[in-house]
Amino acid sequence: VCSSDLIKKTDLLLLSLGTVLCVSSVAQARGRREPGQRLERIKQHLGLSDDQATQIKAVRARQRNQRQGIRGELDALHKELHGLLQAPTVDEPRALTVHTRMQSVLQRMGEARFKTRLEILRLLTPEQRAKLLEHRGKRHHGKRGRWGRGPGRQADEG
């Protein structure tokens, strides 16, 4: 009788674990796409030539490599700042210096991302650019402001 109860409990545990793993993998799959899927979708939507798609893929690969290097630098600064803030007495001048360096790295990341966008736009025909910008406008229309706190700044708010 005891072994029967143990088998039932084990079966229930395995079933629960399987359900958790299944739900987890489905949630991950919904949030992530295969690396080439996005480019393929853009290619179809904009009518990109194979040559354009290859060039865009190369631009994005360069940007990804550059971003990884910058991100490594940012991670090191973040760890350094975290260590400074965890100390019994905070070395404020040093913490401010590290924070300033982090802001500089973040600005470089933003500039690199924008340069990549410009480089990709140069590869598109005027019609493809217009279609892309129209699609992006529709995608962002109606979204709340940054962090979902409100409608965001309006053009006339200055």
N, C-alpha and C. Protein backbone atom coordinates (compact mmCIF):
# COMPACT_ATOMS: atom_id res chain seq x y z
N VAL A 1 0.84 -1.19 0.00
CA VAL A 1 0.00 0.00 0.00
C VAL A 1 0.88 1.25 0.00
N CYS A 2 1.97 1.25 0.76
CA CYS A 2 2.87 2.40 0.82
C CYS A 2 3.54 2.64 -0.52
N SER A 3 3.96 1.56 -1.18
CA SER A 3 4.63 1.74 -2.45
C SER A 3 3.67 2.29 -3.50
N SER A 4 2.39 1.94 -3.40
CA SER A 4 1.40 2.47 -4.32
C SER A 4 1.24 3.98 -4.14
N ASP A 5 1.21 4.44 -2.88
CA ASP A 5 1.12 5.87 -2.60
C ASP A 5 2.37 6.60 -3.11
N LEU A 6 3.52 5.98 -2.94
CA LEU A 6 4.78 6.57 -3.39
C LEU A 6 4.80 6.70 -4.91
N ILE A 7 4.29 5.69 -5.59
CA ILE A 7 4.23 5.73 -7.06
C ILE A 7 3.28 6.84 -7.51
N LYS A 8 2.14 6.98 -6.84
CA LYS A 8 1.19 8.03 -7.20
C LYS A 8 1.81 9.42 -7.00
N LYS A 9 2.51 9.59 -5.86
CA LYS A 9 3.14 10.88 -5.58
C LYS A 9 4.24 11.17 -6.59
N THR A 10 5.01 10.15 -6.96
CA THR A 10 6.07 10.33 -7.95
C THR A 10 5.48 10.69 -9.30
N ASP A 11 4.41 9.99 -9.68
CA ASP A 11 3.74 10.30 -10.95
C ASP A 11 3.22 11.73 -10.96
N LEU A 12 2.61 12.15 -9.85
CA LEU A 12 2.08 13.50 -9.75
C LEU A 12 3.21 14.52 -9.83
N LEU A 13 4.31 14.24 -9.16
CA LEU A 13 5.46 15.14 -9.20
C LEU A 13 6.02 15.25 -10.62
N LEU A 14 6.17 14.13 -11.30
CA LEU A 14 6.68 14.14 -12.67
C LEU A 14 5.73 14.87 -13.62
N LEU A 15 4.44 14.67 -13.43
CA LEU A 15 3.44 15.35 -14.25
C LEU A 15 3.52 16.86 -14.03
N SER A 16 3.63 17.27 -12.77
CA SER A 16 3.73 18.70 -12.45
C SER A 16 5.00 19.30 -13.05
N LEU A 17 6.11 18.60 -12.92
CA LEU A 17 7.38 19.07 -13.46
C LEU A 17 7.29 19.18 -14.98
N GLY A 18 6.70 18.20 -15.62
CA GLY A 18 6.53 18.24 -17.08
C GLY A 18 5.69 19.42 -17.52
N THR A 19 4.63 19.71 -16.76
CA THR A 19 3.77 20.84 -17.09
C THR A 19 4.53 22.15 -16.96
N VAL A 20 5.29 22.30 -15.89
CA VAL A 20 6.08 23.52 -15.68
C VAL A 20 7.08 23.70 -16.82
N LEU A 21 7.78 22.64 -17.18
CA LEU A 21 8.77 22.73 -18.24
C LEU A 21 8.12 23.06 -19.58
N CYS A 22 6.97 22.48 -19.84
CA CYS A 22 6.27 22.73 -21.10
C CYS A 22 5.80 24.18 -21.17
N VAL A 23 5.20 24.69 -20.12
CA VAL A 23 4.73 26.07 -20.09
C VAL A 23 5.91 27.02 -20.23
N SER A 24 7.00 26.71 -19.56
CA SER A 24 8.20 27.55 -19.63
C SER A 24 8.76 27.61 -21.05
N SER A 25 8.84 26.46 -21.71
CA SER A 25 9.40 26.45 -23.06
C SER A 25 8.48 27.15 -24.06
N VAL A 26 7.16 27.04 -23.87
CA VAL A 26 6.22 27.74 -24.75
C VAL A 26 6.36 29.25 -24.55
N ALA A 27 6.50 29.69 -23.30
CA ALA A 27 6.65 31.12 -23.03
C ALA A 27 7.94 31.65 -23.66
N GLN A 28 9.01 30.89 -23.58
CA GLN A 28 10.26 31.31 -24.18
C GLN A 28 10.14 31.35 -25.71
N ALA A 29 9.46 30.38 -26.27
CA ALA A 29 9.33 30.31 -27.72
C ALA A 29 8.52 31.49 -28.25
N ARG A 30 7.54 31.94 -27.50
CA ARG A 30 6.73 33.08 -27.94
C ARG A 30 7.54 34.37 -27.95
N GLY A 31 8.46 34.50 -27.02
CA GLY A 31 9.22 35.72 -26.91
C GLY A 31 10.42 35.79 -27.83
N ARG A 32 10.86 34.68 -28.36
CA ARG A 32 12.07 34.67 -29.17
C ARG A 32 11.80 34.04 -30.52
N ARG A 33 12.47 34.59 -31.51
CA ARG A 33 12.38 34.02 -32.85
C ARG A 33 13.75 33.50 -33.23
N GLU A 34 13.75 32.67 -34.21
CA GLU A 34 15.02 32.20 -34.76
C GLU A 34 15.74 33.39 -35.36
N PRO A 35 17.08 33.42 -35.31
CA PRO A 35 17.83 34.58 -35.78
C PRO A 35 17.49 35.03 -37.20
N GLY A 36 17.27 34.13 -38.14
CA GLY A 36 17.01 34.52 -39.51
C GLY A 36 15.57 34.88 -39.81
N GLN A 37 14.65 34.59 -38.88
CA GLN A 37 13.23 34.81 -39.15
C GLN A 37 12.89 36.28 -39.34
N ARG A 38 13.48 37.15 -38.53
CA ARG A 38 13.15 38.57 -38.63
C ARG A 38 13.59 39.12 -39.98
N LEU A 39 14.81 38.80 -40.39
CA LEU A 39 15.29 39.29 -41.68
C LEU A 39 14.43 38.74 -42.82
N GLU A 40 14.03 37.50 -42.73
CA GLU A 40 13.19 36.90 -43.78
C GLU A 40 11.84 37.61 -43.86
N ARG A 41 11.27 37.95 -42.70
CA ARG A 41 10.00 38.68 -42.68
C ARG A 41 10.15 40.06 -43.30
N ILE A 42 11.25 40.75 -42.94
CA ILE A 42 11.51 42.08 -43.50
C ILE A 42 11.73 41.97 -45.00
N LYS A 43 12.45 40.94 -45.41
CA LYS A 43 12.72 40.73 -46.84
C LYS A 43 11.41 40.59 -47.61
N GLN A 44 10.51 39.79 -47.10
CA GLN A 44 9.22 39.59 -47.77
C GLN A 44 8.37 40.85 -47.73
N HIS A 45 8.33 41.51 -46.58
CA HIS A 45 7.48 42.69 -46.42
C HIS A 45 7.93 43.84 -47.32
N LEU A 46 9.26 44.05 -47.41
CA LEU A 46 9.77 45.17 -48.19
C LEU A 46 10.12 44.80 -49.62
N GLY A 47 10.10 43.51 -49.93
CA GLY A 47 10.49 43.08 -51.27
C GLY A 47 11.98 43.26 -51.51
N LEU A 48 12.80 42.90 -50.51
CA LEU A 48 14.25 43.04 -50.64
C LEU A 48 14.80 42.04 -51.64
N SER A 49 15.83 42.45 -52.35
CA SER A 49 16.54 41.51 -53.22
C SER A 49 17.43 40.64 -52.34
N ASP A 50 17.91 39.54 -52.90
CA ASP A 50 18.83 38.68 -52.16
C ASP A 50 20.09 39.45 -51.78
N ASP A 51 20.56 40.31 -52.69
CA ASP A 51 21.76 41.11 -52.43
C ASP A 51 21.52 42.07 -51.26
N GLN A 52 20.37 42.72 -51.23
CA GLN A 52 20.05 43.63 -50.13
C GLN A 52 19.99 42.88 -48.80
N ALA A 53 19.35 41.71 -48.83
CA ALA A 53 19.23 40.92 -47.60
C ALA A 53 20.61 40.49 -47.10
N THR A 54 21.49 40.11 -48.00
CA THR A 54 22.85 39.71 -47.62
C THR A 54 23.60 40.89 -47.02
N GLN A 55 23.47 42.06 -47.63
CA GLN A 55 24.15 43.25 -47.11
C GLN A 55 23.60 43.64 -45.74
N ILE A 56 22.30 43.58 -45.56
CA ILE A 56 21.69 43.90 -44.27
C ILE A 56 22.14 42.91 -43.21
N LYS A 57 22.21 41.65 -43.58
CA LYS A 57 22.68 40.63 -42.64
C LYS A 57 24.11 40.92 -42.19
N ALA A 58 24.96 41.35 -43.11
CA ALA A 58 26.34 41.68 -42.77
C ALA A 58 26.41 42.90 -41.85
N VAL A 59 25.59 43.90 -42.13
CA VAL A 59 25.56 45.11 -41.29
C VAL A 59 25.14 44.73 -39.87
N ARG A 60 24.10 43.93 -39.78
CA ARG A 60 23.60 43.53 -38.46
C ARG A 60 24.61 42.66 -37.72
N ALA A 61 25.36 41.82 -38.42
CA ALA A 61 26.39 40.99 -37.78
C ALA A 61 27.50 41.88 -37.22
N ARG A 62 27.92 42.88 -38.00
CA ARG A 62 28.95 43.81 -37.51
C ARG A 62 28.46 44.55 -36.27
N GLN A 63 27.21 44.99 -36.33
CA GLN A 63 26.65 45.72 -35.20
C GLN A 63 26.55 44.83 -33.97
N ARG A 64 26.18 43.58 -34.16
CA ARG A 64 26.06 42.64 -33.05
C ARG A 64 27.42 42.43 -32.38
N ASN A 65 28.47 42.28 -33.19
CA ASN A 65 29.82 42.10 -32.63
C ASN A 65 30.26 43.34 -31.88
N GLN A 66 30.00 44.50 -32.45
CA GLN A 66 30.36 45.76 -31.80
C GLN A 66 29.60 45.91 -30.49
N ARG A 67 28.32 45.59 -30.52
CA ARG A 67 27.47 45.73 -29.33
C ARG A 67 27.96 44.80 -28.22
N GLN A 68 28.40 43.60 -28.57
CA GLN A 68 28.89 42.68 -27.55
C GLN A 68 30.12 43.24 -26.84
N GLY A 69 31.01 43.88 -27.61
CA GLY A 69 32.19 44.48 -27.00
C GLY A 69 31.82 45.62 -26.07
N ILE A 70 30.91 46.47 -26.52
CA ILE A 70 30.47 47.59 -25.70
C ILE A 70 29.72 47.08 -24.47
N ARG A 71 28.91 46.05 -24.67
CA ARG A 71 28.15 45.50 -23.55
C ARG A 71 29.08 44.91 -22.49
N GLY A 72 30.18 44.28 -22.92
CA GLY A 72 31.16 43.76 -21.97
C GLY A 72 31.77 44.88 -21.14
N GLU A 73 32.05 46.00 -21.79
CA GLU A 73 32.58 47.16 -21.09
C GLU A 73 31.56 47.70 -20.09
N LEU A 74 30.31 47.76 -20.51
CA LEU A 74 29.25 48.25 -19.63
C LEU A 74 29.05 47.31 -18.44
N ASP A 75 29.09 46.02 -18.68
CA ASP A 75 28.94 45.05 -17.59
C ASP A 75 30.05 45.21 -16.55
N ALA A 76 31.29 45.42 -17.01
CA ALA A 76 32.41 45.60 -16.09
C ALA A 76 32.21 46.86 -15.24
N LEU A 77 31.77 47.93 -15.88
CA LEU A 77 31.52 49.17 -15.14
C LEU A 77 30.37 49.00 -14.15
N HIS A 78 29.35 48.28 -14.56
CA HIS A 78 28.21 48.03 -13.67
C HIS A 78 28.66 47.26 -12.43
N LYS A 79 29.48 46.24 -12.63
CA LYS A 79 29.98 45.47 -11.49
C LYS A 79 30.83 46.34 -10.57
N GLU A 80 31.66 47.19 -11.19
CA GLU A 80 32.49 48.08 -10.39
C GLU A 80 31.63 49.03 -9.56
N LEU A 81 30.62 49.61 -10.18
CA LEU A 81 29.74 50.53 -9.46
C LEU A 81 28.98 49.80 -8.36
N HIS A 82 28.50 48.61 -8.66
CA HIS A 82 27.79 47.82 -7.65
C HIS A 82 28.69 47.57 -6.43
N GLY A 83 29.95 47.21 -6.70
CA GLY A 83 30.90 47.00 -5.60
C GLY A 83 31.13 48.26 -4.79
N LEU A 84 31.23 49.40 -5.46
CA LEU A 84 31.42 50.66 -4.75
C LEU A 84 30.22 50.99 -3.87
N LEU A 85 29.03 50.73 -4.39
CA LEU A 85 27.82 51.05 -3.63
C LEU A 85 27.56 50.08 -2.48
N GLN A 86 28.16 48.89 -2.54
CA GLN A 86 27.98 47.90 -1.48
C GLN A 86 28.96 48.11 -0.33
N ALA A 87 29.97 48.95 -0.53
CA ALA A 87 30.99 49.19 0.51
C ALA A 87 30.35 49.86 1.72
N PRO A 88 30.92 49.63 2.92
CA PRO A 88 30.37 50.27 4.13
C PRO A 88 30.32 51.80 4.01
N THR A 89 31.34 52.37 3.39
CA THR A 89 31.30 53.81 3.10
C THR A 89 31.53 53.98 1.60
N VAL A 90 30.65 54.68 0.96
CA VAL A 90 30.70 54.83 -0.49
C VAL A 90 31.71 55.91 -0.86
N ASP A 91 32.61 55.57 -1.76
CA ASP A 91 33.56 56.54 -2.32
C ASP A 91 32.80 57.30 -3.41
N GLU A 92 32.15 58.40 -3.00
CA GLU A 92 31.24 59.11 -3.90
C GLU A 92 31.94 59.64 -5.16
N PRO A 93 33.10 60.28 -5.04
CA PRO A 93 33.73 60.76 -6.28
C PRO A 93 34.03 59.63 -7.28
N ARG A 94 34.50 58.51 -6.77
CA ARG A 94 34.79 57.38 -7.65
C ARG A 94 33.51 56.80 -8.24
N ALA A 95 32.46 56.70 -7.42
CA ALA A 95 31.17 56.18 -7.90
C ALA A 95 30.61 57.10 -8.99
N LEU A 96 30.72 58.42 -8.81
CA LEU A 96 30.24 59.35 -9.83
C LEU A 96 31.06 59.22 -11.11
N THR A 97 32.36 58.99 -10.98
CA THR A 97 33.22 58.81 -12.15
C THR A 97 32.80 57.56 -12.92
N VAL A 98 32.56 56.47 -12.21
CA VAL A 98 32.13 55.23 -12.87
C VAL A 98 30.77 55.43 -13.52
N HIS A 99 29.87 56.11 -12.82
CA HIS A 99 28.55 56.38 -13.38
C HIS A 99 28.66 57.20 -14.67
N THR A 100 29.51 58.20 -14.67
CA THR A 100 29.71 59.03 -15.86
C THR A 100 30.26 58.19 -17.01
N ARG A 101 31.20 57.29 -16.69
CA ARG A 101 31.74 56.41 -17.73
C ARG A 101 30.65 55.50 -18.28
N MET A 102 29.76 55.02 -17.40
CA MET A 102 28.65 54.17 -17.86
C MET A 102 27.74 54.94 -18.80
N GLN A 103 27.45 56.19 -18.47
CA GLN A 103 26.60 57.01 -19.34
C GLN A 103 27.24 57.21 -20.70
N SER A 104 28.55 57.38 -20.70
CA SER A 104 29.28 57.54 -21.96
C SER A 104 29.18 56.27 -22.81
N VAL A 105 29.32 55.12 -22.17
CA VAL A 105 29.22 53.85 -22.90
C VAL A 105 27.80 53.66 -23.45
N LEU A 106 26.80 54.01 -22.64
CA LEU A 106 25.41 53.90 -23.11
C LEU A 106 25.17 54.81 -24.31
N GLN A 107 25.76 56.00 -24.28
CA GLN A 107 25.62 56.90 -25.42
C GLN A 107 26.27 56.31 -26.66
N ARG A 108 27.44 55.71 -26.49
CA ARG A 108 28.11 55.06 -27.62
C ARG A 108 27.25 53.94 -28.19
N MET A 109 26.59 53.18 -27.31
CA MET A 109 25.71 52.10 -27.77
C MET A 109 24.57 52.67 -28.61
N GLY A 110 23.96 53.76 -28.13
CA GLY A 110 22.86 54.38 -28.85
C GLY A 110 23.31 54.91 -30.21
N GLU A 111 24.48 55.52 -30.24
CA GLU A 111 25.02 56.05 -31.50
C GLU A 111 25.30 54.91 -32.48
N ALA A 112 25.85 53.82 -31.97
CA ALA A 112 26.14 52.67 -32.84
C ALA A 112 24.85 52.09 -33.41
N ARG A 113 23.82 52.02 -32.58
CA ARG A 113 22.52 51.49 -33.04
C ARG A 113 21.93 52.42 -34.11
N PHE A 114 22.04 53.73 -33.91
CA PHE A 114 21.51 54.68 -34.87
C PHE A 114 22.30 54.63 -36.18
N LYS A 115 23.62 54.51 -36.11
CA LYS A 115 24.45 54.41 -37.31
C LYS A 115 24.09 53.16 -38.10
N THR A 116 23.79 52.08 -37.39
CA THR A 116 23.37 50.85 -38.05
C THR A 116 22.06 51.07 -38.79
N ARG A 117 21.13 51.75 -38.14
CA ARG A 117 19.85 52.04 -38.77
C ARG A 117 20.06 52.86 -40.05
N LEU A 118 20.92 53.88 -39.96
CA LEU A 118 21.21 54.70 -41.14
C LEU A 118 21.85 53.88 -42.26
N GLU A 119 22.76 53.00 -41.88
CA GLU A 119 23.43 52.17 -42.87
C GLU A 119 22.43 51.26 -43.58
N ILE A 120 21.50 50.70 -42.83
CA ILE A 120 20.48 49.84 -43.43
C ILE A 120 19.55 50.66 -44.32
N LEU A 121 19.17 51.85 -43.87
CA LEU A 121 18.29 52.69 -44.69
C LEU A 121 18.96 53.05 -46.02
N ARG A 122 20.28 53.23 -46.03
CA ARG A 122 20.98 53.54 -47.28
C ARG A 122 20.90 52.39 -48.28
N LEU A 123 20.71 51.18 -47.79
CA LEU A 123 20.63 50.01 -48.68
C LEU A 123 19.26 49.85 -49.33
N LEU A 124 18.27 50.58 -48.84
CA LEU A 124 16.90 50.44 -49.33
C LEU A 124 16.59 51.43 -50.44
N THR A 125 15.67 51.06 -51.28
CA THR A 125 15.16 51.99 -52.29
C THR A 125 14.25 53.00 -51.58
N PRO A 126 13.95 54.13 -52.19
CA PRO A 126 13.03 55.08 -51.57
C PRO A 126 11.67 54.45 -51.23
N GLU A 127 11.18 53.58 -52.10
CA GLU A 127 9.89 52.91 -51.85
C GLU A 127 9.98 51.99 -50.64
N GLN A 128 11.08 51.25 -50.55
CA GLN A 128 11.26 50.33 -49.42
C GLN A 128 11.39 51.11 -48.11
N ARG A 129 12.12 52.23 -48.15
CA ARG A 129 12.27 53.07 -46.96
C ARG A 129 10.91 53.58 -46.50
N ALA A 130 10.13 54.09 -47.43
CA ALA A 130 8.80 54.61 -47.10
C ALA A 130 7.93 53.52 -46.48
N LYS A 131 7.98 52.33 -47.05
CA LYS A 131 7.19 51.20 -46.53
C LYS A 131 7.64 50.81 -45.13
N LEU A 132 8.97 50.80 -44.90
CA LEU A 132 9.51 50.46 -43.59
C LEU A 132 9.10 51.49 -42.55
N LEU A 133 9.24 52.76 -42.87
CA LEU A 133 8.89 53.82 -41.93
C LEU A 133 7.39 53.83 -41.64
N GLU A 134 6.58 53.55 -42.65
CA GLU A 134 5.14 53.46 -42.44
C GLU A 134 4.81 52.30 -41.51
N HIS A 135 5.45 51.16 -41.74
CA HIS A 135 5.22 49.98 -40.89
C HIS A 135 5.64 50.26 -39.45
N ARG A 136 6.78 50.90 -39.27
CA ARG A 136 7.24 51.22 -37.91
C ARG A 136 6.30 52.19 -37.24
N GLY A 137 5.77 53.15 -38.00
CA GLY A 137 4.82 54.10 -37.43
C GLY A 137 3.56 53.41 -36.95
N LYS A 138 3.06 52.46 -37.72
CA LYS A 138 1.88 51.70 -37.32
C LYS A 138 2.17 50.85 -36.10
N ARG A 139 3.36 50.28 -36.07
CA ARG A 139 3.73 49.39 -34.96
C ARG A 139 3.80 50.15 -33.65
N HIS A 140 4.24 51.40 -33.69
CA HIS A 140 4.41 52.18 -32.46
C HIS A 140 3.22 53.08 -32.16
N HIS A 141 2.29 53.21 -33.10
CA HIS A 141 1.13 54.06 -32.89
C HIS A 141 0.28 53.52 -31.75
N GLY A 142 -0.08 54.42 -30.86
CA GLY A 142 -0.97 54.03 -29.78
C GLY A 142 -0.26 53.43 -28.59
N LYS A 143 1.04 53.23 -28.68
CA LYS A 143 1.75 52.70 -27.52
C LYS A 143 1.90 53.80 -26.49
N ARG A 144 2.02 53.38 -25.27
CA ARG A 144 2.21 54.34 -24.19
C ARG A 144 3.64 54.85 -24.23
N GLY A 145 3.89 55.87 -23.47
CA GLY A 145 5.23 56.44 -23.39
C GLY A 145 6.21 55.45 -22.81
N ARG A 146 7.43 55.89 -22.65
CA ARG A 146 8.49 55.03 -22.13
C ARG A 146 8.07 54.44 -20.80
N TRP A 147 8.30 53.19 -20.61
CA TRP A 147 8.01 52.42 -19.40
C TRP A 147 6.50 52.32 -19.14
N GLY A 148 5.67 52.63 -20.13
CA GLY A 148 4.23 52.44 -19.98
C GLY A 148 3.58 53.38 -18.99
N ARG A 149 4.17 54.56 -18.75
CA ARG A 149 3.63 55.46 -17.73
C ARG A 149 2.61 56.45 -18.26
N GLY A 150 2.43 56.52 -19.51
CA GLY A 150 1.48 57.48 -20.04
C GLY A 150 1.62 57.59 -21.53
N PRO A 151 0.96 58.57 -22.12
CA PRO A 151 0.96 58.66 -23.57
C PRO A 151 2.29 59.15 -24.16
N GLY A 152 3.22 59.58 -23.33
CA GLY A 152 4.48 60.10 -23.85
C GLY A 152 4.34 61.58 -24.17
N ARG A 153 5.45 62.21 -24.47
CA ARG A 153 5.45 63.64 -24.77
C ARG A 153 4.82 63.91 -26.12
N GLN A 154 4.04 64.92 -26.18
CA GLN A 154 3.46 65.36 -27.43
C GLN A 154 4.38 66.39 -28.06
N ALA A 155 4.30 66.57 -29.35
CA ALA A 155 5.18 67.50 -30.06
C ALA A 155 5.01 68.93 -29.57
N ASP A 156 3.80 69.31 -29.16
CA ASP A 156 3.57 70.68 -28.75
C ASP A 156 3.89 70.94 -27.28
N GLU A 157 4.33 69.92 -26.53
CA GLU A 157 4.66 70.10 -25.11
C GLU A 157 6.00 70.79 -24.92
N GLY A 158 6.88 70.77 -25.96
CA GLY A 158 8.17 71.43 -25.89
C GLY A 158 9.02 70.81 -24.95
